[in-house]
Amino acid sequence: MAEKNLTLVTKFLLMAFIDCPEWALPLFLLFLFIYLITLLGNLGMIILIRLDLRLHTSMYFLLSHLSFMDTCYSFATVPLMMAVLLEPRAALSYTLCAAQFFLFTFFGSIDCYLLALMANDLYVAVCQPLLYVTIMRRKARLGFVCCVGGAYVAGVFSALVWKVSAFMLSFCGTNEIDFILCDLPPLLKITCGDIYTQEVVLIVFAIFVIPACIVVISVSYLIIVLAIMRIPSAGGRAKTFWTCATHLTAVSLFFGTLIFMYLRDNSSQSSEEDRVVSVFYITVIPTLNPLVYSLRNKEVMEALRNILSRARLS
């Protein structure tokens, strides 16, 4: 058996697209188009919520933060992915890789917490509508803002735990990452030595963050469904289900990809499958969120029409 190369890694070579150089330019243009749509959709959603007073509710307050996180998430991942397309075997320094890993886990963790808060907000709106009105009062609103601030603090803590645990690993042998960014699955594949402790920490923390948020969302929706079934009119039930469907769509897309990437056996992971799923949650999900919440939401579409009408008249 050949002796294992124990040369310590100080930089990483991203190799995801080296096997298909003829697709480099078309993929670059496609990702650039998606990235611009992501920026336009999410920043447009933030501006729309700020301009229309009817959207100054707790749900749209959370949605504006979700759009901001999606914008930052795309900024931390997509430009580097496009750079890799133009420069095969792009070298990424250890520090830059660690920074990217921290940023996208930070923004991704906050997305988890915001989606859980949005589910809880829907629960209050459907099951306790009178209490929901008081949320916009000053004292209650301050408490709600503190919950959002807590999501940001929890996101920092989550990202720090993941980053410290991941980069305590020893990377040796080959430094070629068959992936499009510094993510946990490809980093684990180029480690050497005993990684049991770090894997346990990372998996336990992933189980704490992802399923914990899923439990909050599931319990909220269980209570919501029971409340909806008690609504006497079929029209009222359909309207409430439609309101919840937008959030449920975003939750399914986001957590579905996270579960596929992080809560399965790493040894059975295919690089090709990982690559496809990573492209999906890096580029597609941040683009779909504003579309889902706008095209499926009458209030947002009405606010957009009003803003466009005022712009034409001015």
Protein backbone atom coordinates (compact mmCIF):
# COMPACT_ATOMS: atom_id res chain seq x y z
CA MET A 1 0.00 0.00 0.00
CA ALA A 2 1.33 3.44 -0.88
CA GLU A 3 2.29 5.62 2.01
CA LYS A 4 -0.25 8.35 2.67
CA ASN A 5 0.85 11.87 1.83
CA LEU A 6 0.78 13.92 5.03
CA THR A 7 1.69 17.25 3.49
CA LEU A 8 -0.43 19.88 5.21
CA VAL A 9 -2.79 21.85 2.96
CA THR A 10 -2.50 25.65 2.87
CA LYS A 11 -4.77 26.23 -0.12
CA PHE A 12 -7.55 24.41 -1.92
CA LEU A 13 -8.12 23.79 -5.62
CA LEU A 14 -11.79 23.85 -6.62
CA MET A 15 -12.24 21.19 -9.29
CA ALA A 16 -16.00 20.92 -9.78
CA PHE A 17 -16.18 21.95 -13.43
CA ILE A 18 -12.78 20.82 -14.73
CA ASP A 19 -14.29 17.79 -16.53
CA CYS A 20 -16.57 19.91 -18.73
CA PRO A 21 -14.61 22.98 -19.94
CA GLU A 22 -16.92 23.40 -22.96
CA TRP A 23 -19.75 24.21 -20.54
CA ALA A 24 -17.79 26.89 -18.67
CA LEU A 25 -19.04 29.95 -20.57
CA PRO A 26 -22.72 28.85 -20.89
CA LEU A 27 -22.83 27.96 -17.18
CA PHE A 28 -21.14 31.24 -16.28
CA LEU A 29 -23.77 33.21 -18.21
CA LEU A 30 -26.58 31.13 -16.69
CA PHE A 31 -25.31 31.64 -13.13
CA LEU A 32 -24.76 35.34 -13.79
CA PHE A 33 -28.36 35.66 -15.00
CA ILE A 34 -29.68 33.79 -11.95
CA TYR A 35 -27.50 35.89 -9.63
CA LEU A 36 -28.84 39.15 -11.10
CA ILE A 37 -32.41 37.86 -10.78
CA THR A 38 -31.68 36.93 -7.15
CA LEU A 39 -30.41 40.42 -6.36
CA LEU A 40 -33.29 42.09 -8.20
CA GLY A 41 -35.95 39.90 -6.59
CA ASN A 42 -34.70 40.06 -3.00
CA LEU A 43 -33.69 43.72 -2.96
CA GLY A 44 -36.96 44.56 -4.74
CA MET A 45 -38.88 42.69 -2.05
CA ILE A 46 -37.09 44.63 0.70
CA ILE A 47 -37.80 47.98 -0.98
CA LEU A 48 -41.44 47.06 -1.63
CA ILE A 49 -42.02 46.11 2.01
CA ARG A 50 -40.49 49.38 3.19
CA LEU A 51 -42.50 51.53 0.78
CA ASP A 52 -45.97 50.02 1.27
CA LEU A 53 -47.50 50.64 4.71
CA ARG A 54 -49.87 47.68 4.33
CA LEU A 55 -46.85 45.37 4.37
CA HIS A 56 -45.59 46.73 7.70
CA THR A 57 -46.59 43.59 9.60
CA SER A 58 -44.53 41.05 11.48
CA MET A 59 -44.70 38.49 8.64
CA TYR A 60 -43.36 40.93 6.06
CA PHE A 61 -40.81 42.22 8.54
CA LEU A 62 -39.49 38.65 8.74
CA LEU A 63 -39.72 38.30 4.97
CA SER A 64 -37.59 41.41 4.47
CA HIS A 65 -34.89 39.91 6.70
CA LEU A 66 -35.15 36.60 4.83
CA SER A 67 -34.66 38.46 1.54
CA PHE A 68 -31.64 40.27 3.01
CA MET A 69 -30.12 36.97 4.15
CA ASP A 70 -30.70 35.42 0.72
CA THR A 71 -28.96 38.39 -0.91
CA CYS A 72 -25.95 38.05 1.39
CA TYR A 73 -25.94 34.25 0.98
CA SER A 74 -25.76 34.59 -2.81
CA PHE A 75 -23.05 37.23 -2.56
CA ALA A 76 -20.90 34.92 -0.41
CA THR A 77 -21.17 31.94 -2.76
CA VAL A 78 -22.21 32.65 -6.36
CA PRO A 79 -19.40 35.07 -7.45
CA LEU A 80 -16.72 32.58 -6.39
CA MET A 81 -18.55 29.78 -8.18
CA MET A 82 -18.60 31.87 -11.37
CA ALA A 83 -14.89 32.64 -10.95
CA VAL A 84 -14.17 28.90 -10.77
CA LEU A 85 -15.94 28.47 -14.11
CA LEU A 86 -13.65 30.99 -15.77
CA GLU A 87 -10.48 29.68 -14.12
CA PRO A 88 -10.28 25.87 -13.85
CA ARG A 89 -8.30 24.63 -10.84
CA ALA A 90 -8.86 27.96 -9.12
CA ALA A 91 -6.76 28.19 -5.97
CA LEU A 92 -8.48 29.30 -2.79
CA SER A 93 -6.41 30.21 0.26
CA TYR A 94 -7.05 28.52 3.58
CA THR A 95 -8.20 31.84 5.09
CA LEU A 96 -10.59 32.64 2.23
CA CYS A 97 -12.02 29.12 2.35
CA ALA A 98 -12.62 29.44 6.10
CA ALA A 99 -14.22 32.87 5.61
CA GLN A 100 -16.58 31.59 2.94
CA PHE A 101 -17.48 28.58 5.07
CA PHE A 102 -18.30 30.87 8.00
CA LEU A 103 -20.36 33.31 5.92
CA PHE A 104 -22.58 30.85 4.14
CA THR A 105 -23.18 28.81 7.32
CA PHE A 106 -23.98 32.09 9.12
CA PHE A 107 -26.50 33.23 6.51
CA GLY A 108 -27.91 29.72 6.09
CA SER A 109 -28.40 29.28 9.85
CA ILE A 110 -30.26 32.59 10.10
CA ASP A 111 -32.51 31.45 7.24
CA CYS A 112 -33.40 28.39 9.33
CA TYR A 113 -34.29 30.49 12.36
CA LEU A 114 -36.24 33.06 10.32
CA LEU A 115 -38.35 30.36 8.65
CA ALA A 116 -39.11 28.93 12.11
CA LEU A 117 -40.12 32.39 13.36
CA MET A 118 -42.33 32.86 10.30
CA ALA A 119 -44.10 29.58 11.08
CA ASN A 120 -44.69 30.76 14.63
CA ASP A 121 -45.97 34.08 13.29
CA LEU A 122 -48.44 32.23 11.04
CA TYR A 123 -49.58 30.23 14.05
CA VAL A 124 -50.38 33.43 15.97
CA ALA A 125 -52.10 35.00 12.92
CA VAL A 126 -54.34 31.97 12.32
CA CYS A 127 -54.98 30.72 15.84
CA GLN A 128 -54.90 33.96 17.84
CA PRO A 129 -55.82 36.76 15.40
CA LEU A 130 -56.67 39.26 18.16
CA LEU A 131 -53.26 38.74 19.76
CA TYR A 132 -51.65 39.12 16.33
CA VAL A 133 -52.96 42.69 16.08
CA THR A 134 -51.19 43.62 19.30
CA ILE A 135 -47.84 42.48 17.87
CA MET A 136 -47.58 45.77 15.98
CA ARG A 137 -47.94 47.76 19.18
CA ARG A 138 -44.74 49.27 20.47
CA LYS A 139 -43.95 46.94 23.38
CA ALA A 140 -44.92 43.75 21.58
CA ARG A 141 -43.09 44.88 18.46
CA LEU A 142 -39.93 45.48 20.50
CA GLY A 143 -40.11 41.93 21.80
CA PHE A 144 -40.59 40.64 18.27
CA VAL A 145 -37.53 42.59 17.07
CA CYS A 146 -35.58 41.03 19.95
CA CYS A 147 -36.57 37.57 18.65
CA VAL A 148 -35.17 38.49 15.23
CA GLY A 149 -32.02 39.81 16.88
CA GLY A 150 -31.78 36.51 18.75
CA ALA A 151 -31.90 34.70 15.39
CA TYR A 152 -28.87 36.71 14.26
CA VAL A 153 -26.98 35.95 17.47
CA ALA A 154 -27.83 32.26 17.16
CA GLY A 155 -26.65 32.39 13.54
CA VAL A 156 -23.27 33.77 14.61
CA PHE A 157 -22.94 31.09 17.28
CA SER A 158 -23.94 28.33 14.83
CA ALA A 159 -21.45 29.51 12.20
CA LEU A 160 -18.64 29.80 14.75
CA VAL A 161 -19.20 26.27 16.07
CA TRP A 162 -19.28 24.84 12.55
CA LYS A 163 -16.26 26.84 11.39
CA VAL A 164 -14.08 26.07 14.41
CA SER A 165 -15.01 22.38 14.36
CA ALA A 166 -14.49 22.02 10.60
CA PHE A 167 -11.15 23.83 10.49
CA MET A 168 -9.74 21.98 13.48
CA LEU A 169 -9.51 19.08 11.04
CA SER A 170 -6.18 18.27 9.41
CA PHE A 171 -6.28 18.58 5.63
CA CYS A 172 -3.53 16.60 3.96
CA GLY A 173 -2.75 14.54 0.89
CA THR A 174 -4.56 16.09 -2.07
CA ASN A 175 -5.96 19.58 -1.78
CA GLU A 176 -8.32 19.19 -4.73
CA ILE A 177 -11.95 19.77 -3.78
CA ASP A 178 -14.43 18.33 -6.28
CA PHE A 179 -16.98 20.94 -5.35
CA ILE A 180 -17.95 24.54 -6.07
CA LEU A 181 -17.32 26.06 -2.66
CA CYS A 182 -15.79 25.31 0.73
CA ASP A 183 -18.57 23.21 2.21
CA LEU A 184 -18.53 20.52 4.87
CA PRO A 185 -18.98 17.34 2.73
CA PRO A 186 -15.98 17.97 0.41
CA LEU A 187 -13.79 19.17 3.28
CA LEU A 188 -14.40 15.93 5.17
CA LYS A 189 -13.26 13.98 2.10
CA ILE A 190 -9.74 15.49 2.16
CA THR A 191 -9.10 15.15 5.88
CA CYS A 192 -6.56 12.85 7.48
CA GLY A 193 -6.11 11.54 10.97
CA ASP A 194 -8.89 11.04 13.52
CA ILE A 195 -11.93 13.11 12.60
CA TYR A 196 -14.43 11.33 14.85
CA THR A 197 -14.70 14.11 17.45
CA GLN A 198 -15.17 16.86 14.88
CA GLU A 199 -17.71 14.80 12.93
CA VAL A 200 -19.70 14.17 16.09
CA VAL A 201 -19.70 17.89 16.96
CA LEU A 202 -20.74 18.89 13.46
CA ILE A 203 -23.44 16.23 13.15
CA VAL A 204 -24.85 16.90 16.63
CA PHE A 205 -24.97 20.61 15.95
CA ALA A 206 -26.58 20.02 12.54
CA ILE A 207 -29.16 17.84 14.25
CA PHE A 208 -29.70 20.56 16.85
CA VAL A 209 -30.18 23.37 14.32
CA ILE A 210 -32.02 21.77 11.38
CA PRO A 211 -34.41 19.33 13.11
CA ALA A 212 -35.03 21.78 15.97
CA CYS A 213 -36.29 24.35 13.47
CA ILE A 214 -38.25 21.65 11.64
CA VAL A 215 -39.91 20.61 14.92
CA VAL A 216 -40.96 24.22 15.62
CA ILE A 217 -42.34 24.55 12.10
CA SER A 218 -44.11 21.16 12.22
CA VAL A 219 -45.78 21.85 15.58
CA SER A 220 -46.87 25.32 14.39
CA TYR A 221 -48.40 23.85 11.22
CA LEU A 222 -50.09 21.03 13.11
CA ILE A 223 -51.87 23.58 15.30
CA ILE A 224 -52.60 25.74 12.23
CA VAL A 225 -54.20 22.81 10.37
CA LEU A 226 -56.36 21.96 13.38
CA ALA A 227 -57.44 25.61 13.60
CA ILE A 228 -58.20 25.79 9.87
CA MET A 229 -60.37 22.67 10.04
CA ARG A 230 -62.55 24.48 12.59
CA ILE A 231 -63.22 27.39 10.19
CA PRO A 232 -66.89 27.00 9.15
CA SER A 233 -66.72 28.38 5.60
CA ALA A 234 -64.93 26.58 2.77
CA GLY A 235 -63.77 29.93 1.38
CA GLY A 236 -62.18 30.88 4.70
CA ARG A 237 -60.36 27.56 4.90
CA ALA A 238 -59.08 27.87 1.32
CA LYS A 239 -57.87 31.46 1.90
CA THR A 240 -55.98 30.48 5.06
CA PHE A 241 -54.45 27.40 3.40
CA TRP A 242 -53.31 29.58 0.48
CA THR A 243 -51.66 32.04 2.90
CA CYS A 244 -49.71 29.22 4.54
CA ALA A 245 -48.80 27.54 1.25
CA THR A 246 -46.20 30.17 0.30
CA HIS A 247 -44.26 29.70 3.52
CA LEU A 248 -44.62 25.92 3.37
CA THR A 249 -43.20 25.91 -0.18
CA ALA A 250 -40.13 27.90 0.90
CA VAL A 251 -39.64 25.65 3.94
CA SER A 252 -39.85 22.46 1.86
CA LEU A 253 -37.29 23.67 -0.68
CA PHE A 254 -34.81 24.99 1.87
CA PHE A 255 -34.89 22.23 4.48
CA GLY A 256 -35.18 19.48 1.87
CA THR A 257 -31.80 20.37 0.39
CA LEU A 258 -30.20 20.84 3.82
CA ILE A 259 -31.36 17.40 4.96
CA PHE A 260 -30.02 15.83 1.75
CA MET A 261 -26.60 17.47 2.19
CA TYR A 262 -25.95 17.25 5.92
CA LEU A 263 -28.12 14.59 7.53
CA ARG A 264 -27.10 11.52 5.56
CA ASP A 265 -24.14 9.16 5.58
CA ASN A 266 -21.16 11.08 4.19
CA SER A 267 -19.46 7.92 2.95
CA SER A 268 -22.30 7.21 0.52
CA GLN A 269 -22.38 10.68 -0.96
CA SER A 270 -21.78 11.02 -4.68
CA SER A 271 -19.78 14.03 -5.83
CA GLU A 272 -22.09 14.38 -8.82
CA GLU A 273 -25.19 14.40 -6.63
CA ASP A 274 -23.58 16.83 -4.19
CA ARG A 275 -22.68 19.14 -7.03
CA VAL A 276 -26.22 19.27 -8.42
CA VAL A 277 -27.81 19.80 -5.01
CA SER A 278 -25.25 22.44 -4.03
CA VAL A 279 -25.93 24.40 -7.24
CA PHE A 280 -29.63 24.20 -6.38
CA TYR A 281 -29.38 25.57 -2.85
CA ILE A 282 -26.70 28.12 -3.74
CA THR A 283 -28.38 29.63 -6.80
CA VAL A 284 -31.98 28.50 -7.15
CA ILE A 285 -33.44 28.73 -3.64
CA PRO A 286 -32.43 32.39 -3.01
CA THR A 287 -33.99 33.18 -6.40
CA LEU A 288 -37.21 31.26 -5.78
CA ASN A 289 -38.00 32.73 -2.35
CA PRO A 290 -39.00 36.24 -3.55
CA LEU A 291 -40.87 34.71 -6.52
CA VAL A 292 -42.79 32.32 -4.26
CA TYR A 293 -43.71 35.06 -1.81
CA SER A 294 -44.71 37.53 -4.54
CA LEU A 295 -46.48 35.45 -7.21
CA ARG A 296 -48.44 33.48 -4.59
CA ASN A 297 -49.26 36.52 -2.43
CA LYS A 298 -52.08 38.89 -3.37
CA GLU A 299 -50.96 41.59 -0.91
CA VAL A 300 -47.46 41.73 -2.39
CA MET A 301 -48.78 41.81 -5.97
CA GLU A 302 -51.25 44.57 -5.09
CA ALA A 303 -48.49 46.58 -3.40
CA LEU A 304 -46.28 46.13 -6.48
CA ARG A 305 -49.07 47.33 -8.80
CA ASN A 306 -49.63 50.38 -6.60
CA ILE A 307 -45.93 51.26 -6.56
CA LEU A 308 -45.70 50.88 -10.35
CA SER A 309 -48.84 52.99 -10.85
CA ARG A 310 -47.45 55.78 -8.68
CA ALA A 311 -44.15 55.60 -10.56
CA ARG A 312 -45.94 56.02 -13.91
CA LEU A 313 -48.00 58.95 -12.65
CA SER A 314 -45.03 60.81 -11.18
